[in-house]
Amino acid sequence: MKKPELHDAKYWIERPLNSEKDWIDDASNWVESYILSANHPHRQLILEEVCKLHAEGPLNKLLEIGCNTGANLIRIHEILPMI
């Protein structure tokens, strides 16, 4: 069986929570590492779903709870600046 790639939704659904490294690096400064994760493949999945919602009816507001430094919101705003 082929191992799912990071950009596959199946990877994120079935991934072990303690075995593989998901972020860019293992920097001791987790804040810097998290900010650098703005282009991590899982964010593309989120962006695609928001774009689908926007296509169904224009969105002008989006609330992300627990967004930390806002990496998802930054990516979404790059593609959909009206949100």
PDB file of N, CA and C in Angstrom:
ATOM      1  N   MET A   1       0.840  -1.174   0.000  1.00  0.00           N
ATOM      2  CA  MET A   1       0.000   0.000   0.000  1.00  0.00           C
ATOM      3  C   MET A   1       0.890   1.245   0.000  1.00  0.00           C
ATOM      4  N   LYS A   2       0.568   2.188  -0.866  1.00  0.00           N
ATOM      5  CA  LYS A   2       1.339   3.415  -0.975  1.00  0.00           C
ATOM      6  C   LYS A   2       1.081   4.319   0.230  1.00  0.00           C
ATOM      7  N   LYS A   3       2.161   4.849   0.781  1.00  0.00           N
ATOM      8  CA  LYS A   3       2.050   5.776   1.899  1.00  0.00           C
ATOM      9  C   LYS A   3       1.498   7.104   1.393  1.00  0.00           C
ATOM     10  N   PRO A   4       0.462   7.672   2.035  1.00  0.00           N
ATOM     11  CA  PRO A   4      -0.089   8.959   1.581  1.00  0.00           C
ATOM     12  C   PRO A   4       0.952  10.074   1.681  1.00  0.00           C
ATOM     13  N   GLU A   5       0.907  10.980   0.749  1.00  0.00           N
ATOM     14  CA  GLU A   5       1.770  12.151   0.755  1.00  0.00           C
ATOM     15  C   GLU A   5       1.198  13.208   1.697  1.00  0.00           C
ATOM     16  N   LEU A   6       2.028  14.176   2.078  1.00  0.00           N
ATOM     17  CA  LEU A   6       1.593  15.225   3.003  1.00  0.00           C
ATOM     18  C   LEU A   6       0.418  16.034   2.479  1.00  0.00           C
ATOM     19  N   HIS A   7       0.284  16.142   1.157  1.00  0.00           N
ATOM     20  CA  HIS A   7      -0.797  16.954   0.608  1.00  0.00           C
ATOM     21  C   HIS A   7      -2.100  16.174   0.458  1.00  0.00           C
ATOM     22  N   ASP A   8      -2.096  14.882   0.756  1.00  0.00           N
ATOM     23  CA  ASP A   8      -3.305  14.066   0.682  1.00  0.00           C
ATOM     24  C   ASP A   8      -4.113  14.194   1.966  1.00  0.00           C
ATOM     25  N   ALA A   9      -5.413  14.400   1.841  1.00  0.00           N
ATOM     26  CA  ALA A   9      -6.278  14.487   3.022  1.00  0.00           C
ATOM     27  C   ALA A   9      -6.176  13.216   3.856  1.00  0.00           C
ATOM     28  N   LYS A  10      -6.017  12.078   3.194  1.00  0.00           N
ATOM     29  CA  LYS A  10      -5.932  10.798   3.904  1.00  0.00           C
ATOM     30  C   LYS A  10      -4.762  10.792   4.903  1.00  0.00           C
ATOM     31  N   TYR A  11      -3.658  11.430   4.551  1.00  0.00           N
ATOM     32  CA  TYR A  11      -2.518  11.506   5.469  1.00  0.00           C
ATOM     33  C   TYR A  11      -2.928  12.162   6.779  1.00  0.00           C
ATOM     34  N   TRP A  12      -3.653  13.270   6.678  1.00  0.00           N
ATOM     35  CA  TRP A  12      -4.005  14.041   7.859  1.00  0.00           C
ATOM     36  C   TRP A  12      -5.092  13.366   8.683  1.00  0.00           C
ATOM     37  N   ILE A  13      -5.913  12.565   8.036  1.00  0.00           N
ATOM     38  CA  ILE A  13      -6.962  11.836   8.746  1.00  0.00           C
ATOM     39  C   ILE A  13      -6.376  10.660   9.522  1.00  0.00           C
ATOM     40  N   GLU A  14      -5.435   9.945   8.895  1.00  0.00           N
ATOM     41  CA  GLU A  14      -4.947   8.693   9.464  1.00  0.00           C
ATOM     42  C   GLU A  14      -3.555   8.761  10.085  1.00  0.00           C
ATOM     43  N   ARG A  15      -2.937   9.916  10.088  1.00  0.00           N
ATOM     44  CA  ARG A  15      -1.546   9.987  10.543  1.00  0.00           C
ATOM     45  C   ARG A  15      -1.405   9.665  12.028  1.00  0.00           C
ATOM     46  N   PRO A  16      -0.336   8.963  12.392  1.00  0.00           N
ATOM     47  CA  PRO A  16      -0.051   8.752  13.817  1.00  0.00           C
ATOM     48  C   PRO A  16       0.350  10.080  14.445  1.00  0.00           C
ATOM     49  N   LEU A  17      -0.124  10.345  15.612  1.00  0.00           N
ATOM     50  CA  LEU A  17       0.154  11.630  16.243  1.00  0.00           C
ATOM     51  C   LEU A  17       1.537  11.719  16.858  1.00  0.00           C
ATOM     52  N   ASN A  18       2.268  10.624  16.919  1.00  0.00           N
ATOM     53  CA  ASN A  18       3.550  10.681  17.606  1.00  0.00           C
ATOM     54  C   ASN A  18       4.721  10.129  16.800  1.00  0.00           C
ATOM     55  N   SER A  19       4.548   9.866  15.497  1.00  0.00           N
ATOM     56  CA  SER A  19       5.641   9.200  14.809  1.00  0.00           C
ATOM     57  C   SER A  19       6.367  10.058  13.782  1.00  0.00           C
ATOM     58  N   GLU A  20       5.667  10.831  12.992  1.00  0.00           N
ATOM     59  CA  GLU A  20       6.331  11.569  11.920  1.00  0.00           C
ATOM     60  C   GLU A  20       6.356  13.063  12.201  1.00  0.00           C
ATOM     61  N   LYS A  21       7.390  13.689  11.667  1.00  0.00           N
ATOM     62  CA  LYS A  21       7.528  15.130  11.820  1.00  0.00           C
ATOM     63  C   LYS A  21       6.680  15.825  10.755  1.00  0.00           C
ATOM     64  N   ASP A  22       5.806  16.720  11.154  1.00  0.00           N
ATOM     65  CA  ASP A  22       4.933  17.412  10.212  1.00  0.00           C
ATOM     66  C   ASP A  22       5.430  18.791   9.827  1.00  0.00           C
ATOM     67  N   TRP A  23       6.221  19.402  10.681  1.00  0.00           N
ATOM     68  CA  TRP A  23       6.584  20.793  10.433  1.00  0.00           C
ATOM     69  C   TRP A  23       7.877  20.903   9.652  1.00  0.00           C
ATOM     70  N   ILE A  24       8.240  22.110   9.323  1.00  0.00           N
ATOM     71  CA  ILE A  24       9.375  22.410   8.462  1.00  0.00           C
ATOM     72  C   ILE A  24      10.687  21.902   9.036  1.00  0.00           C
ATOM     73  N   ASP A  25      10.916  22.158  10.279  1.00  0.00           N
ATOM     74  CA  ASP A  25      12.160  21.740  10.909  1.00  0.00           C
ATOM     75  C   ASP A  25      11.911  21.459  12.384  1.00  0.00           C
ATOM     76  N   ASP A  26      12.953  21.091  13.064  1.00  0.00           N
ATOM     77  CA  ASP A  26      12.802  20.826  14.493  1.00  0.00           C
ATOM     78  C   ASP A  26      13.488  21.920  15.310  1.00  0.00           C
ATOM     79  N   ALA A  27      13.320  23.145  14.848  1.00  0.00           N
ATOM     80  CA  ALA A  27      13.937  24.286  15.518  1.00  0.00           C
ATOM     81  C   ALA A  27      13.490  24.361  16.971  1.00  0.00           C
ATOM     82  N   SER A  28      14.402  24.772  17.821  1.00  0.00           N
ATOM     83  CA  SER A  28      14.045  24.906  19.226  1.00  0.00           C
ATOM     84  C   SER A  28      13.073  26.067  19.422  1.00  0.00           C
ATOM     85  N   ASN A  29      13.049  27.011  18.489  1.00  0.00           N
ATOM     86  CA  ASN A  29      12.116  28.126  18.552  1.00  0.00           C
ATOM     87  C   ASN A  29      10.857  27.726  17.784  1.00  0.00           C
ATOM     88  N   TRP A  30       9.857  27.151  18.476  1.00  0.00           N
ATOM     89  CA  TRP A  30       8.670  26.649  17.811  1.00  0.00           C
ATOM     90  C   TRP A  30       7.866  27.754  17.138  1.00  0.00           C
ATOM     91  N   VAL A  31       7.941  28.977  17.659  1.00  0.00           N
ATOM     92  CA  VAL A  31       7.201  30.078  17.049  1.00  0.00           C
ATOM     93  C   VAL A  31       7.748  30.337  15.650  1.00  0.00           C
ATOM     94  N   GLU A  32       9.049  30.431  15.531  1.00  0.00           N
ATOM     95  CA  GLU A  32       9.663  30.644  14.220  1.00  0.00           C
ATOM     96  C   GLU A  32       9.317  29.497  13.274  1.00  0.00           C
ATOM     97  N   SER A  33       9.400  28.275  13.763  1.00  0.00           N
ATOM     98  CA  SER A  33       9.091  27.110  12.949  1.00  0.00           C
ATOM     99  C   SER A  33       7.639  27.139  12.488  1.00  0.00           C
ATOM    100  N   TYR A  34       6.733  27.539  13.382  1.00  0.00           N
ATOM    101  CA  TYR A  34       5.318  27.597  13.021  1.00  0.00           C
ATOM    102  C   TYR A  34       5.072  28.664  11.970  1.00  0.00           C
ATOM    103  N   ILE A  35       5.665  29.823  12.119  1.00  0.00           N
ATOM    104  CA  ILE A  35       5.504  30.893  11.135  1.00  0.00           C
ATOM    105  C   ILE A  35       6.022  30.438   9.771  1.00  0.00           C
ATOM    106  N   LEU A  36       7.148  29.731   9.771  1.00  0.00           N
ATOM    107  CA  LEU A  36       7.709  29.228   8.514  1.00  0.00           C
ATOM    108  C   LEU A  36       6.841  28.147   7.882  1.00  0.00           C
ATOM    109  N   SER A  37       5.884  27.629   8.632  1.00  0.00           N
ATOM    110  CA  SER A  37       5.014  26.571   8.112  1.00  0.00           C
ATOM    111  C   SER A  37       3.864  27.129   7.271  1.00  0.00           C
ATOM    112  N   ALA A  38       3.866  28.405   6.974  1.00  0.00           N
ATOM    113  CA  ALA A  38       2.765  29.017   6.225  1.00  0.00           C
ATOM    114  C   ALA A  38       2.519  28.337   4.884  1.00  0.00           C
ATOM    115  N   ASN A  39       3.539  27.754   4.299  1.00  0.00           N
ATOM    116  CA  ASN A  39       3.384  27.078   3.015  1.00  0.00           C
ATOM    117  C   ASN A  39       3.389  25.563   3.145  1.00  0.00           C
ATOM    118  N   HIS A  40       3.161  25.067   4.348  1.00  0.00           N
ATOM    119  CA  HIS A  40       3.119  23.618   4.561  1.00  0.00           C
ATOM    120  C   HIS A  40       1.948  23.033   3.761  1.00  0.00           C
ATOM    121  N   PRO A  41       2.102  21.839   3.187  1.00  0.00           N
ATOM    122  CA  PRO A  41       1.061  21.270   2.316  1.00  0.00           C
ATOM    123  C   PRO A  41      -0.334  21.167   2.926  1.00  0.00           C
ATOM    124  N   HIS A  42      -0.442  20.976   4.228  1.00  0.00           N
ATOM    125  CA  HIS A  42      -1.792  20.846   4.782  1.00  0.00           C
ATOM    126  C   HIS A  42      -2.578  22.147   4.691  1.00  0.00           C
ATOM    127  N   ARG A  43      -1.881  23.257   4.620  1.00  0.00           N
ATOM    128  CA  ARG A  43      -2.583  24.538   4.501  1.00  0.00           C
ATOM    129  C   ARG A  43      -3.264  24.664   3.134  1.00  0.00           C
ATOM    130  N   GLN A  44      -2.712  24.009   2.123  1.00  0.00           N
ATOM    131  CA  GLN A  44      -3.340  24.006   0.804  1.00  0.00           C
ATOM    132  C   GLN A  44      -4.706  23.316   0.859  1.00  0.00           C
ATOM    133  N   LEU A  45      -4.807  22.254   1.644  1.00  0.00           N
ATOM    134  CA  LEU A  45      -6.102  21.576   1.796  1.00  0.00           C
ATOM    135  C   LEU A  45      -7.145  22.521   2.387  1.00  0.00           C
ATOM    136  N   ILE A  46      -6.739  23.268   3.393  1.00  0.00           N
ATOM    137  CA  ILE A  46      -7.646  24.227   4.027  1.00  0.00           C
ATOM    138  C   ILE A  46      -8.050  25.301   3.025  1.00  0.00           C
ATOM    139  N   LEU A  47      -7.071  25.820   2.295  1.00  0.00           N
ATOM    140  CA  LEU A  47      -7.322  26.858   1.300  1.00  0.00           C
ATOM    141  C   LEU A  47      -8.300  26.371   0.228  1.00  0.00           C
ATOM    142  N   GLU A  48      -8.132  25.150  -0.238  1.00  0.00           N
ATOM    143  CA  GLU A  48      -9.023  24.599  -1.260  1.00  0.00           C
ATOM    144  C   GLU A  48     -10.461  24.515  -0.756  1.00  0.00           C
ATOM    145  N   GLU A  49     -10.647  24.120   0.490  1.00  0.00           N
ATOM    146  CA  GLU A  49     -11.995  24.020   1.041  1.00  0.00           C
ATOM    147  C   GLU A  49     -12.632  25.398   1.209  1.00  0.00           C
ATOM    148  N   VAL A  50     -11.853  26.373   1.641  1.00  0.00           N
ATOM    149  CA  VAL A  50     -12.386  27.738   1.775  1.00  0.00           C
ATOM    150  C   VAL A  50     -12.749  28.289   0.397  1.00  0.00           C
ATOM    151  N   CYS A  51     -11.937  27.998  -0.608  1.00  0.00           N
ATOM    152  CA  CYS A  51     -12.242  28.449  -1.971  1.00  0.00           C
ATOM    153  C   CYS A  51     -13.546  27.823  -2.477  1.00  0.00           C
ATOM    154  N   LYS A  52     -13.782  26.560  -2.148  1.00  0.00           N
ATOM    155  CA  LYS A  52     -15.037  25.906  -2.530  1.00  0.00           C
ATOM    156  C   LYS A  52     -16.227  26.615  -1.874  1.00  0.00           C
ATOM    157  N   LEU A  53     -16.101  26.922  -0.592  1.00  0.00           N
ATOM    158  CA  LEU A  53     -17.175  27.637   0.105  1.00  0.00           C
ATOM    159  C   LEU A  53     -17.413  29.007  -0.519  1.00  0.00           C
ATOM    160  N   HIS A  54     -16.330  29.684  -0.853  1.00  0.00           N
ATOM    161  CA  HIS A  54     -16.424  31.016  -1.445  1.00  0.00           C
ATOM    162  C   HIS A  54     -17.105  30.947  -2.814  1.00  0.00           C
ATOM    163  N   ALA A  55     -16.852  29.890  -3.567  1.00  0.00           N
ATOM    164  CA  ALA A  55     -17.460  29.726  -4.885  1.00  0.00           C
ATOM    165  C   ALA A  55     -18.976  29.512  -4.781  1.00  0.00           C
ATOM    166  N   GLU A  56     -19.415  28.898  -3.685  1.00  0.00           N
ATOM    167  CA  GLU A  56     -20.849  28.651  -3.473  1.00  0.00           C
ATOM    168  C   GLU A  56     -21.601  29.930  -3.120  1.00  0.00           C
ATOM    169  N   GLY A  57     -20.946  30.841  -2.493  1.00  0.00           N
ATOM    170  CA  GLY A  57     -21.528  32.111  -2.101  1.00  0.00           C
ATOM    171  C   GLY A  57     -20.428  32.953  -1.497  1.00  0.00           C
ATOM    172  N   PRO A  58     -20.227  34.162  -1.996  1.00  0.00           N
ATOM    173  CA  PRO A  58     -19.081  34.967  -1.559  1.00  0.00           C
ATOM    174  C   PRO A  58     -18.961  35.088  -0.036  1.00  0.00           C
ATOM    175  N   LEU A  59     -17.772  34.878   0.449  1.00  0.00           N
ATOM    176  CA  LEU A  59     -17.458  35.048   1.861  1.00  0.00           C
ATOM    177  C   LEU A  59     -16.798  36.406   2.042  1.00  0.00           C
ATOM    178  N   ASN A  60     -17.141  37.107   3.097  1.00  0.00           N
ATOM    179  CA  ASN A  60     -16.432  38.349   3.384  1.00  0.00           C
ATOM    180  C   ASN A  60     -15.839  38.361   4.787  1.00  0.00           C
ATOM    181  N   LYS A  61     -16.142  37.290   5.548  1.00  0.00           N
ATOM    182  CA  LYS A  61     -15.577  37.163   6.889  1.00  0.00           C
ATOM    183  C   LYS A  61     -15.213  35.713   7.135  1.00  0.00           C
ATOM    184  N   LEU A  62     -14.190  35.517   7.936  1.00  0.00           N
ATOM    185  CA  LEU A  62     -13.772  34.170   8.292  1.00  0.00           C
ATOM    186  C   LEU A  62     -13.165  34.223   9.689  1.00  0.00           C
ATOM    187  N   LEU A  63     -13.623  33.377  10.554  1.00  0.00           N
ATOM    188  CA  LEU A  63     -13.099  33.290  11.912  1.00  0.00           C
ATOM    189  C   LEU A  63     -12.394  31.960  12.068  1.00  0.00           C
ATOM    190  N   GLU A  64     -11.149  32.005  12.413  1.00  0.00           N
ATOM    191  CA  GLU A  64     -10.407  30.787  12.698  1.00  0.00           C
ATOM    192  C   GLU A  64     -10.086  30.790  14.184  1.00  0.00           C
ATOM    193  N   ILE A  65     -10.580  29.804  14.875  1.00  0.00           N
ATOM    194  CA  ILE A  65     -10.362  29.713  16.317  1.00  0.00           C
ATOM    195  C   ILE A  65      -9.112  28.887  16.573  1.00  0.00           C
ATOM    196  N   GLY A  66      -8.244  29.399  17.428  1.00  0.00           N
ATOM    197  CA  GLY A  66      -7.000  28.698  17.729  1.00  0.00           C
ATOM    198  C   GLY A  66      -5.991  28.823  16.612  1.00  0.00           C
ATOM    199  N   CYS A  67      -5.924  29.990  15.997  1.00  0.00           N
ATOM    200  CA  CYS A  67      -5.096  30.160  14.799  1.00  0.00           C
ATOM    201  C   CYS A  67      -3.635  30.461  15.095  1.00  0.00           C
ATOM    202  N   ASN A  68      -3.252  30.589  16.359  1.00  0.00           N
ATOM    203  CA  ASN A  68      -1.872  30.855  16.727  1.00  0.00           C
ATOM    204  C   ASN A  68      -1.394  32.119  16.023  1.00  0.00           C
ATOM    205  N   THR A  69      -0.443  32.012  15.124  1.00  0.00           N
ATOM    206  CA  THR A  69       0.091  33.199  14.443  1.00  0.00           C
ATOM    207  C   THR A  69      -0.671  33.524  13.163  1.00  0.00           C
ATOM    208  N   GLY A  70      -1.711  32.774  12.855  1.00  0.00           N
ATOM    209  CA  GLY A  70      -2.564  33.082  11.704  1.00  0.00           C
ATOM    210  C   GLY A  70      -2.063  32.578  10.370  1.00  0.00           C
ATOM    211  N   ALA A  71      -1.260  31.530  10.351  1.00  0.00           N
ATOM    212  CA  ALA A  71      -0.690  31.039   9.089  1.00  0.00           C
ATOM    213  C   ALA A  71      -1.765  30.668   8.072  1.00  0.00           C
ATOM    214  N   ASN A  72      -2.853  30.035   8.512  1.00  0.00           N
ATOM    215  CA  ASN A  72      -3.928  29.692   7.572  1.00  0.00           C
ATOM    216  C   ASN A  72      -4.595  30.952   7.036  1.00  0.00           C
ATOM    217  N   LEU A  73      -4.833  31.904   7.914  1.00  0.00           N
ATOM    218  CA  LEU A  73      -5.479  33.145   7.496  1.00  0.00           C
ATOM    219  C   LEU A  73      -4.611  33.937   6.520  1.00  0.00           C
ATOM    220  N   ILE A  74      -3.324  33.907   6.724  1.00  0.00           N
ATOM    221  CA  ILE A  74      -2.404  34.595   5.807  1.00  0.00           C
ATOM    222  C   ILE A  74      -2.510  33.982   4.415  1.00  0.00           C
ATOM    223  N   ARG A  75      -2.474  32.636   4.344  1.00  0.00           N
ATOM    224  CA  ARG A  75      -2.579  31.942   3.046  1.00  0.00           C
ATOM    225  C   ARG A  75      -3.912  32.238   2.373  1.00  0.00           C
ATOM    226  N   ILE A  76      -5.002  32.205   3.149  1.00  0.00           N
ATOM    227  CA  ILE A  76      -6.324  32.464   2.587  1.00  0.00           C
ATOM    228  C   ILE A  76      -6.393  33.890   2.048  1.00  0.00           C
ATOM    229  N   HIS A  77      -5.870  34.835   2.805  1.00  0.00           N
ATOM    230  CA  HIS A  77      -5.904  36.242   2.379  1.00  0.00           C
ATOM    231  C   HIS A  77      -5.086  36.477   1.110  1.00  0.00           C
ATOM    232  N   GLU A  78      -4.029  35.717   0.906  1.00  0.00           N
ATOM    233  CA  GLU A  78      -3.237  35.845  -0.325  1.00  0.00           C
ATOM    234  C   GLU A  78      -4.077  35.519  -1.559  1.00  0.00           C
ATOM    235  N   ILE A  79      -4.953  34.525  -1.445  1.00  0.00           N
ATOM    236  CA  ILE A  79      -5.765  34.079  -2.574  1.00  0.00           C
ATOM    237  C   ILE A  79      -7.121  34.769  -2.626  1.00  0.00           C
ATOM    238  N   LEU A  80      -7.694  35.030  -1.466  1.00  0.00           N
ATOM    239  CA  LEU A  80      -9.021  35.664  -1.367  1.00  0.00           C
ATOM    240  C   LEU A  80      -8.907  36.921  -0.498  1.00  0.00           C
ATOM    241  N   PRO A  81      -8.327  38.000  -1.031  1.00  0.00           N
ATOM    242  CA  PRO A  81      -8.071  39.193  -0.206  1.00  0.00           C
ATOM    243  C   PRO A  81      -9.328  39.877   0.311  1.00  0.00           C
ATOM    244  N   MET A  82     -10.487  39.548  -0.250  1.00  0.00           N
ATOM    245  CA  MET A  82     -11.719  40.188   0.227  1.00  0.00           C
ATOM    246  C   MET A  82     -12.188  39.628   1.560  1.00  0.00           C
ATOM    247  N   ILE A  83     -11.586  38.506   1.985  1.00  0.00           N
ATOM    248  CA  ILE A  83     -11.953  37.906   3.263  1.00  0.00           C
ATOM    249  C   ILE A  83     -11.071  38.494   4.353  1.00  0.00           C
TER     250      ILE A  83
END
